[in-house]
Full PDB file with SEQRES, HELIX, SHEET, SSBOND, CRYST1, ORIGX, SCALE, CONECT and MASTER records, all heavy atoms in Angstrom:
SEQRES   1 A   31  ASN ASN THR LEU ILE LEU GLY PRO GLY GLY PHE ARG PHE          
SEQRES   2 A   31  GLY ASP TYR TRP ARG LEU GLY LEU PRO LEU GLU VAL LEU          
SEQRES   3 A   31  VAL VAL LEU VAL ALA                                          
HELIX    1 AA1 PHE A   13  ASP A   15  5                                   3    
HELIX    2 AA2 TRP A   17  VAL A   30  1                                  14    
CRYST1    1.000    1.000    1.000  90.00  90.00  90.00 P 1           1          
ORIGX1      1.000000  0.000000  0.000000        0.00000                         
ORIGX2      0.000000  1.000000  0.000000        0.00000                         
ORIGX3      0.000000  0.000000  1.000000        0.00000                         
SCALE1      1.000000  0.000000  0.000000        0.00000                         
SCALE2      0.000000  1.000000  0.000000        0.00000                         
SCALE3      0.000000  0.000000  1.000000        0.00000                         
ATOM      1  N   ASN A   1     -12.714  -8.368  12.033  1.00  0.00           N  
ATOM      2  CA  ASN A   1     -13.202  -8.617  13.386  1.00  0.00           C  
ATOM      3  C   ASN A   1     -13.312  -7.331  14.195  1.00  0.00           C  
ATOM      4  O   ASN A   1     -14.194  -7.205  15.046  1.00  0.00           O  
ATOM      5  CB  ASN A   1     -12.274  -9.609  14.099  1.00  0.00           C  
ATOM      6  CG  ASN A   1     -12.497 -11.031  13.631  1.00  0.00           C  
ATOM      7  OD1 ASN A   1     -13.164 -11.259  12.632  1.00  0.00           O  
ATOM      8  ND2 ASN A   1     -11.936 -11.989  14.335  1.00  0.00           N  
ATOM      9  N   ASN A   2     -12.409  -6.395  13.959  1.00  0.00           N  
ATOM     10  CA  ASN A   2     -12.508  -5.097  14.633  1.00  0.00           C  
ATOM     11  C   ASN A   2     -13.783  -4.372  14.215  1.00  0.00           C  
ATOM     12  O   ASN A   2     -14.445  -3.722  15.024  1.00  0.00           O  
ATOM     13  CB  ASN A   2     -11.290  -4.234  14.309  1.00  0.00           C  
ATOM     14  CG  ASN A   2     -10.002  -4.799  14.861  1.00  0.00           C  
ATOM     15  OD1 ASN A   2     -10.014  -5.752  15.629  1.00  0.00           O  
ATOM     16  ND2 ASN A   2      -8.876  -4.226  14.467  1.00  0.00           N  
ATOM     17  N   THR A   3     -14.109  -4.460  12.931  1.00  0.00           N  
ATOM     18  CA  THR A   3     -15.318  -3.822  12.425  1.00  0.00           C  
ATOM     19  C   THR A   3     -16.564  -4.467  13.012  1.00  0.00           C  
ATOM     20  O   THR A   3     -17.538  -3.789  13.346  1.00  0.00           O  
ATOM     21  CB  THR A   3     -15.363  -3.930  10.891  1.00  0.00           C  
ATOM     22  OG1 THR A   3     -14.162  -3.408  10.335  1.00  0.00           O  
ATOM     23  CG2 THR A   3     -16.539  -3.160  10.321  1.00  0.00           C  
ATOM     24  N   LEU A   4     -16.529  -5.767  13.167  1.00  0.00           N  
ATOM     25  CA  LEU A   4     -17.692  -6.521  13.611  1.00  0.00           C  
ATOM     26  C   LEU A   4     -18.132  -6.153  15.025  1.00  0.00           C  
ATOM     27  O   LEU A   4     -19.325  -6.173  15.335  1.00  0.00           O  
ATOM     28  CB  LEU A   4     -17.392  -8.016  13.527  1.00  0.00           C  
ATOM     29  CG  LEU A   4     -18.555  -8.996  13.683  1.00  0.00           C  
ATOM     30  CD1 LEU A   4     -19.665  -8.669  12.689  1.00  0.00           C  
ATOM     31  CD2 LEU A   4     -18.067 -10.414  13.481  1.00  0.00           C  
ATOM     32  N   ILE A   5     -17.198  -5.772  15.887  1.00  0.00           N  
ATOM     33  CA  ILE A   5     -17.554  -5.440  17.275  1.00  0.00           C  
ATOM     34  C   ILE A   5     -17.810  -3.950  17.472  1.00  0.00           C  
ATOM     35  O   ILE A   5     -18.144  -3.515  18.580  1.00  0.00           O  
ATOM     36  CB  ILE A   5     -16.459  -5.894  18.266  1.00  0.00           C  
ATOM     37  CG1 ILE A   5     -15.146  -5.132  18.015  1.00  0.00           C  
ATOM     38  CG2 ILE A   5     -16.244  -7.396  18.191  1.00  0.00           C  
ATOM     39  CD1 ILE A   5     -14.091  -5.335  19.106  1.00  0.00           C  
ATOM     40  N   LEU A   6     -17.677  -3.160  16.429  1.00  0.00           N  
ATOM     41  CA  LEU A   6     -17.794  -1.706  16.552  1.00  0.00           C  
ATOM     42  C   LEU A   6     -19.148  -1.299  17.120  1.00  0.00           C  
ATOM     43  O   LEU A   6     -19.239  -0.555  18.100  1.00  0.00           O  
ATOM     44  CB  LEU A   6     -17.574  -1.061  15.182  1.00  0.00           C  
ATOM     45  CG  LEU A   6     -17.602   0.469  15.121  1.00  0.00           C  
ATOM     46  CD1 LEU A   6     -16.471   1.059  15.939  1.00  0.00           C  
ATOM     47  CD2 LEU A   6     -17.514   0.938  13.675  1.00  0.00           C  
ATOM     48  N   GLY A   7     -20.231  -1.788  16.514  1.00  0.00           N  
ATOM     49  CA  GLY A   7     -21.568  -1.446  16.984  1.00  0.00           C  
ATOM     50  C   GLY A   7     -21.944  -2.129  18.278  1.00  0.00           C  
ATOM     51  O   GLY A   7     -22.358  -1.468  19.241  1.00  0.00           O  
ATOM     52  N   PRO A   8     -21.836  -3.468  18.351  1.00  0.00           N  
ATOM     53  CA  PRO A   8     -22.225  -4.157  19.587  1.00  0.00           C  
ATOM     54  C   PRO A   8     -21.454  -3.708  20.818  1.00  0.00           C  
ATOM     55  O   PRO A   8     -21.982  -3.749  21.928  1.00  0.00           O  
ATOM     56  CB  PRO A   8     -21.929  -5.631  19.265  1.00  0.00           C  
ATOM     57  CG  PRO A   8     -22.014  -5.727  17.788  1.00  0.00           C  
ATOM     58  CD  PRO A   8     -21.510  -4.412  17.278  1.00  0.00           C  
ATOM     59  N   GLY A   9     -20.206  -3.288  20.635  1.00  0.00           N  
ATOM     60  CA  GLY A   9     -19.414  -2.842  21.774  1.00  0.00           C  
ATOM     61  C   GLY A   9     -19.614  -1.384  22.112  1.00  0.00           C  
ATOM     62  O   GLY A   9     -19.086  -0.901  23.119  1.00  0.00           O  
ATOM     63  N   GLY A  10     -20.370  -0.661  21.264  1.00  0.00           N  
ATOM     64  CA  GLY A  10     -20.572   0.766  21.484  1.00  0.00           C  
ATOM     65  C   GLY A  10     -19.314   1.581  21.287  1.00  0.00           C  
ATOM     66  O   GLY A  10     -19.174   2.679  21.837  1.00  0.00           O  
ATOM     67  N   PHE A  11     -18.369   1.061  20.481  1.00  0.00           N  
ATOM     68  CA  PHE A  11     -17.061   1.709  20.348  1.00  0.00           C  
ATOM     69  C   PHE A  11     -17.089   2.903  19.406  1.00  0.00           C  
ATOM     70  O   PHE A  11     -17.961   3.014  18.540  1.00  0.00           O  
ATOM     71  CB  PHE A  11     -16.018   0.704  19.842  1.00  0.00           C  
ATOM     72  CG  PHE A  11     -15.683  -0.383  20.815  1.00  0.00           C  
ATOM     73  CD1 PHE A  11     -15.852  -1.718  20.489  1.00  0.00           C  
ATOM     74  CD2 PHE A  11     -15.196  -0.077  22.071  1.00  0.00           C  
ATOM     75  CE1 PHE A  11     -15.544  -2.727  21.376  1.00  0.00           C  
ATOM     76  CE2 PHE A  11     -14.886  -1.068  22.981  1.00  0.00           C  
ATOM     77  CZ  PHE A  11     -15.054  -2.399  22.635  1.00  0.00           C  
ATOM     78  N   ARG A  12     -16.104   3.755  19.577  1.00  0.00           N  
ATOM     79  CA  ARG A  12     -15.813   4.842  18.648  1.00  0.00           C  
ATOM     80  C   ARG A  12     -14.497   4.526  17.953  1.00  0.00           C  
ATOM     81  O   ARG A  12     -13.741   3.649  18.379  1.00  0.00           O  
ATOM     82  CB  ARG A  12     -15.723   6.177  19.389  1.00  0.00           C  
ATOM     83  CG  ARG A  12     -17.013   6.539  20.108  1.00  0.00           C  
ATOM     84  CD  ARG A  12     -16.833   7.747  21.004  1.00  0.00           C  
ATOM     85  NE  ARG A  12     -18.035   7.999  21.802  1.00  0.00           N  
ATOM     86  CZ  ARG A  12     -18.100   8.862  22.805  1.00  0.00           C  
ATOM     87  NH1 ARG A  12     -17.022   9.567  23.140  1.00  0.00           N  
ATOM     88  NH2 ARG A  12     -19.220   9.028  23.477  1.00  0.00           N  
ATOM     89  N   PHE A  13     -14.222   5.267  16.890  1.00  0.00           N  
ATOM     90  CA  PHE A  13     -13.042   4.977  16.073  1.00  0.00           C  
ATOM     91  C   PHE A  13     -11.764   4.988  16.903  1.00  0.00           C  
ATOM     92  O   PHE A  13     -10.878   4.159  16.723  1.00  0.00           O  
ATOM     93  CB  PHE A  13     -12.939   6.003  14.938  1.00  0.00           C  
ATOM     94  CG  PHE A  13     -11.963   5.615  13.862  1.00  0.00           C  
ATOM     95  CD1 PHE A  13     -12.388   4.950  12.732  1.00  0.00           C  
ATOM     96  CD2 PHE A  13     -10.614   5.926  13.985  1.00  0.00           C  
ATOM     97  CE1 PHE A  13     -11.490   4.587  11.738  1.00  0.00           C  
ATOM     98  CE2 PHE A  13      -9.719   5.571  13.001  1.00  0.00           C  
ATOM     99  CZ  PHE A  13     -10.157   4.899  11.871  1.00  0.00           C  
ATOM    100  N   GLY A  14     -11.657   5.926  17.843  1.00  0.00           N  
ATOM    101  CA  GLY A  14     -10.421   6.089  18.600  1.00  0.00           C  
ATOM    102  C   GLY A  14     -10.288   5.208  19.822  1.00  0.00           C  
ATOM    103  O   GLY A  14      -9.323   5.356  20.586  1.00  0.00           O  
ATOM    104  N   ASP A  15     -11.225   4.278  20.018  1.00  0.00           N  
ATOM    105  CA  ASP A  15     -11.181   3.442  21.218  1.00  0.00           C  
ATOM    106  C   ASP A  15     -10.215   2.263  21.100  1.00  0.00           C  
ATOM    107  O   ASP A  15      -9.803   1.692  22.121  1.00  0.00           O  
ATOM    108  CB  ASP A  15     -12.583   2.890  21.535  1.00  0.00           C  
ATOM    109  CG  ASP A  15     -13.515   3.966  22.076  1.00  0.00           C  
ATOM    110  OD1 ASP A  15     -13.000   5.000  22.557  1.00  0.00           O  
ATOM    111  OD2 ASP A  15     -14.738   3.777  22.016  1.00  0.00           O  
ATOM    112  N   TYR A  16      -9.868   1.883  19.875  1.00  0.00           N  
ATOM    113  CA  TYR A  16      -9.126   0.639  19.683  1.00  0.00           C  
ATOM    114  C   TYR A  16      -7.656   0.750  20.083  1.00  0.00           C  
ATOM    115  O   TYR A  16      -7.057  -0.206  20.562  1.00  0.00           O  
ATOM    116  CB  TYR A  16      -9.236   0.190  18.217  1.00  0.00           C  
ATOM    117  CG  TYR A  16     -10.598  -0.330  17.854  1.00  0.00           C  
ATOM    118  CD1 TYR A  16     -11.667   0.525  17.652  1.00  0.00           C  
ATOM    119  CD2 TYR A  16     -10.832  -1.692  17.695  1.00  0.00           C  
ATOM    120  CE1 TYR A  16     -12.925   0.059  17.325  1.00  0.00           C  
ATOM    121  CE2 TYR A  16     -12.087  -2.178  17.361  1.00  0.00           C  
ATOM    122  CZ  TYR A  16     -13.124  -1.299  17.180  1.00  0.00           C  
ATOM    123  OH  TYR A  16     -14.372  -1.772  16.860  1.00  0.00           O  
ATOM    124  N   TRP A  17      -7.063   1.906  19.856  1.00  0.00           N  
ATOM    125  CA  TRP A  17      -5.617   2.025  20.060  1.00  0.00           C  
ATOM    126  C   TRP A  17      -5.206   1.903  21.528  1.00  0.00           C  
ATOM    127  O   TRP A  17      -4.077   1.540  21.828  1.00  0.00           O  
ATOM    128  CB  TRP A  17      -5.100   3.354  19.494  1.00  0.00           C  
ATOM    129  CG  TRP A  17      -5.533   4.561  20.276  1.00  0.00           C  
ATOM    130  CD1 TRP A  17      -6.632   5.331  20.063  1.00  0.00           C  
ATOM    131  CD2 TRP A  17      -4.858   5.146  21.393  1.00  0.00           C  
ATOM    132  NE1 TRP A  17      -6.710   6.347  20.984  1.00  0.00           N  
ATOM    133  CE2 TRP A  17      -5.627   6.259  21.811  1.00  0.00           C  
ATOM    134  CE3 TRP A  17      -3.694   4.836  22.094  1.00  0.00           C  
ATOM    135  CZ2 TRP A  17      -5.255   7.060  22.883  1.00  0.00           C  
ATOM    136  CZ3 TRP A  17      -3.331   5.644  23.175  1.00  0.00           C  
ATOM    137  CH2 TRP A  17      -4.097   6.741  23.548  1.00  0.00           C  
ATOM    138  N   ARG A  18      -6.114   2.155  22.436  1.00  0.00           N  
ATOM    139  CA  ARG A  18      -5.755   2.126  23.860  1.00  0.00           C  
ATOM    140  C   ARG A  18      -5.291   0.732  24.284  1.00  0.00           C  
ATOM    141  O   ARG A  18      -4.336   0.598  25.053  1.00  0.00           O  
ATOM    142  CB  ARG A  18      -6.953   2.563  24.712  1.00  0.00           C  
ATOM    143  CG  ARG A  18      -7.458   3.949  24.368  1.00  0.00           C  
ATOM    144  CD  ARG A  18      -8.592   4.370  25.285  1.00  0.00           C  
ATOM    145  NE  ARG A  18      -9.208   5.614  24.837  1.00  0.00           N  
ATOM    146  CZ  ARG A  18     -10.141   6.277  25.512  1.00  0.00           C  
ATOM    147  NH1 ARG A  18     -10.550   5.806  26.688  1.00  0.00           N  
ATOM    148  NH2 ARG A  18     -10.650   7.389  25.041  1.00  0.00           N  
ATOM    149  N   LEU A  19      -5.964  -0.284  23.808  1.00  0.00           N  
ATOM    150  CA  LEU A  19      -5.515  -1.655  24.044  1.00  0.00           C  
ATOM    151  C   LEU A  19      -4.649  -2.145  22.896  1.00  0.00           C  
ATOM    152  O   LEU A  19      -3.706  -2.916  23.093  1.00  0.00           O  
ATOM    153  CB  LEU A  19      -6.720  -2.586  24.223  1.00  0.00           C  
ATOM    154  CG  LEU A  19      -6.422  -4.058  24.527  1.00  0.00           C  
ATOM    155  CD1 LEU A  19      -5.698  -4.203  25.872  1.00  0.00           C  
ATOM    156  CD2 LEU A  19      -7.703  -4.881  24.539  1.00  0.00           C  
ATOM    157  N   GLY A  20      -4.960  -1.681  21.679  1.00  0.00           N  
ATOM    158  CA  GLY A  20      -4.264  -2.168  20.484  1.00  0.00           C  
ATOM    159  C   GLY A  20      -2.817  -1.756  20.387  1.00  0.00           C  
ATOM    160  O   GLY A  20      -1.960  -2.547  19.966  1.00  0.00           O  
ATOM    161  N   LEU A  21      -2.492  -0.507  20.772  1.00  0.00           N  
ATOM    162  CA  LEU A  21      -1.115  -0.033  20.634  1.00  0.00           C  
ATOM    163  C   LEU A  21      -0.157  -0.790  21.554  1.00  0.00           C  
ATOM    164  O   LEU A  21       0.873  -1.297  21.081  1.00  0.00           O  
ATOM    165  CB  LEU A  21      -1.041   1.475  20.899  1.00  0.00           C  
ATOM    166  CG  LEU A  21       0.344   2.110  20.750  1.00  0.00           C  
ATOM    167  CD1 LEU A  21       0.892   1.888  19.347  1.00  0.00           C  
ATOM    168  CD2 LEU A  21       0.284   3.603  21.076  1.00  0.00           C  
ATOM    169  N   PRO A  22      -0.432  -0.895  22.857  1.00  0.00           N  
ATOM    170  CA  PRO A  22       0.483  -1.700  23.691  1.00  0.00           C  
ATOM    171  C   PRO A  22       0.516  -3.164  23.264  1.00  0.00           C  
ATOM    172  O   PRO A  22       1.547  -3.827  23.407  1.00  0.00           O  
ATOM    173  CB  PRO A  22      -0.070  -1.539  25.104  1.00  0.00           C  
ATOM    174  CG  PRO A  22      -1.444  -1.004  24.961  1.00  0.00           C  
ATOM    175  CD  PRO A  22      -1.466  -0.238  23.681  1.00  0.00           C  
ATOM    176  N   LEU A  23      -0.581  -3.678  22.724  1.00  0.00           N  
ATOM    177  CA  LEU A  23      -0.585  -5.059  22.232  1.00  0.00           C  
ATOM    178  C   LEU A  23       0.355  -5.207  21.043  1.00  0.00           C  
ATOM    179  O   LEU A  23       1.102  -6.187  20.943  1.00  0.00           O  
ATOM    180  CB  LEU A  23      -2.007  -5.479  21.853  1.00  0.00           C  
ATOM    181  CG  LEU A  23      -2.159  -6.888  21.260  1.00  0.00           C  
ATOM    182  CD1 LEU A  23      -1.620  -7.945  22.220  1.00  0.00           C  
ATOM    183  CD2 LEU A  23      -3.632  -7.159  20.923  1.00  0.00           C  
ATOM    184  N   GLU A  24       0.354  -4.243  20.131  1.00  0.00           N  
ATOM    185  CA  GLU A  24       1.251  -4.310  18.977  1.00  0.00           C  
ATOM    186  C   GLU A  24       2.710  -4.185  19.412  1.00  0.00           C  
ATOM    187  O   GLU A  24       3.592  -4.831  18.839  1.00  0.00           O  
ATOM    188  CB  GLU A  24       0.887  -3.233  17.955  1.00  0.00           C  
ATOM    189  CG  GLU A  24      -0.449  -3.499  17.268  1.00  0.00           C  
ATOM    190  CD  GLU A  24      -0.620  -2.721  15.983  1.00  0.00           C  
ATOM    191  OE1 GLU A  24       0.291  -1.919  15.637  1.00  0.00           O  
ATOM    192  OE2 GLU A  24      -1.649  -2.901  15.305  1.00  0.00           O  
ATOM    193  N   VAL A  25       2.970  -3.355  20.415  1.00  0.00           N  
ATOM    194  CA  VAL A  25       4.332  -3.262  20.953  1.00  0.00           C  
ATOM    195  C   VAL A  25       4.753  -4.605  21.537  1.00  0.00           C  
ATOM    196  O   VAL A  25       5.881  -5.084  21.311  1.00  0.00           O  
ATOM    197  CB  VAL A  25       4.419  -2.152  22.026  1.00  0.00           C  
ATOM    198  CG1 VAL A  25       5.781  -2.194  22.714  1.00  0.00           C  
ATOM    199  CG2 VAL A  25       4.180  -0.782  21.401  1.00  0.00           C  
ATOM    200  N   LEU A  26       3.839  -5.238  22.269  1.00  0.00           N  
ATOM    201  CA  LEU A  26       4.129  -6.560  22.831  1.00  0.00           C  
ATOM    202  C   LEU A  26       4.403  -7.582  21.726  1.00  0.00           C  
ATOM    203  O   LEU A  26       5.322  -8.406  21.847  1.00  0.00           O  
ATOM    204  CB  LEU A  26       2.954  -7.023  23.689  1.00  0.00           C  
ATOM    205  CG  LEU A  26       3.055  -8.443  24.263  1.00  0.00           C  
ATOM    206  CD1 LEU A  26       4.167  -8.509  25.316  1.00  0.00           C  
ATOM    207  CD2 LEU A  26       1.723  -8.881  24.867  1.00  0.00           C  
ATOM    208  N   VAL A  27       3.632  -7.534  20.650  1.00  0.00           N  
ATOM    209  CA  VAL A  27       3.829  -8.466  19.533  1.00  0.00           C  
ATOM    210  C   VAL A  27       5.236  -8.319  18.961  1.00  0.00           C  
ATOM    211  O   VAL A  27       5.922  -9.310  18.695  1.00  0.00           O  
ATOM    212  CB  VAL A  27       2.767  -8.233  18.442  1.00  0.00           C  
ATOM    213  CG1 VAL A  27       3.136  -8.984  17.164  1.00  0.00           C  
ATOM    214  CG2 VAL A  27       1.399  -8.695  18.929  1.00  0.00           C  
ATOM    215  N   VAL A  28       5.692  -7.086  18.785  1.00  0.00           N  
ATOM    216  CA  VAL A  28       7.039  -6.859  18.246  1.00  0.00           C  
ATOM    217  C   VAL A  28       8.093  -7.407  19.212  1.00  0.00           C  
ATOM    218  O   VAL A  28       9.049  -8.093  18.796  1.00  0.00           O  
ATOM    219  CB  VAL A  28       7.277  -5.355  17.988  1.00  0.00           C  
ATOM    220  CG1 VAL A  28       8.731  -5.109  17.583  1.00  0.00           C  
ATOM    221  CG2 VAL A  28       6.340  -4.857  16.889  1.00  0.00           C  
ATOM    222  N   LEU A  29       7.911  -7.121  20.494  1.00  0.00           N  
ATOM    223  CA  LEU A  29       8.896  -7.565  21.485  1.00  0.00           C  
ATOM    224  C   LEU A  29       8.960  -9.088  21.594  1.00  0.00           C  
ATOM    225  O   LEU A  29      10.033  -9.652  21.858  1.00  0.00           O  
ATOM    226  CB  LEU A  29       8.556  -6.974  22.856  1.00  0.00           C  
ATOM    227  CG  LEU A  29       8.667  -5.442  22.969  1.00  0.00           C  
ATOM    228  CD1 LEU A  29       8.228  -4.972  24.354  1.00  0.00           C  
ATOM    229  CD2 LEU A  29      10.094  -4.981  22.684  1.00  0.00           C  
ATOM    230  N   VAL A  30       7.844  -9.764  21.400  1.00  0.00           N  
ATOM    231  CA  VAL A  30       7.824 -11.225  21.483  1.00  0.00           C  
ATOM    232  C   VAL A  30       8.194 -11.866  20.152  1.00  0.00           C  
ATOM    233  O   VAL A  30       8.943 -12.858  20.103  1.00  0.00           O  
ATOM    234  CB  VAL A  30       6.424 -11.711  21.936  1.00  0.00           C  
ATOM    235  CG1 VAL A  30       6.338 -13.239  21.872  1.00  0.00           C  
ATOM    236  CG2 VAL A  30       6.116 -11.234  23.341  1.00  0.00           C  
ATOM    237  N   ALA A  31       7.695 -11.305  19.054  1.00  0.00           N  
ATOM    238  CA  ALA A  31       7.852 -11.950  17.750  1.00  0.00           C  
ATOM    239  C   ALA A  31       9.285 -11.904  17.238  1.00  0.00           C  
ATOM    240  O   ALA A  31       9.777 -12.895  16.665  1.00  0.00           O  
ATOM    241  CB  ALA A  31       6.911 -11.300  16.734  1.00  0.00           C  
TER     242      ALA A  31                                                      
MASTER        0    0    0    2    0    0    0    6  241    1    0    3          
END                                                                             
């Protein structure tokens, strides 16, 4: 799913971690 939005969202490789990293931290804290 991350790959699928790469082109339509105009993203670059390094754009995902900005939202993804705090989300993964949240997942650990909740899970």
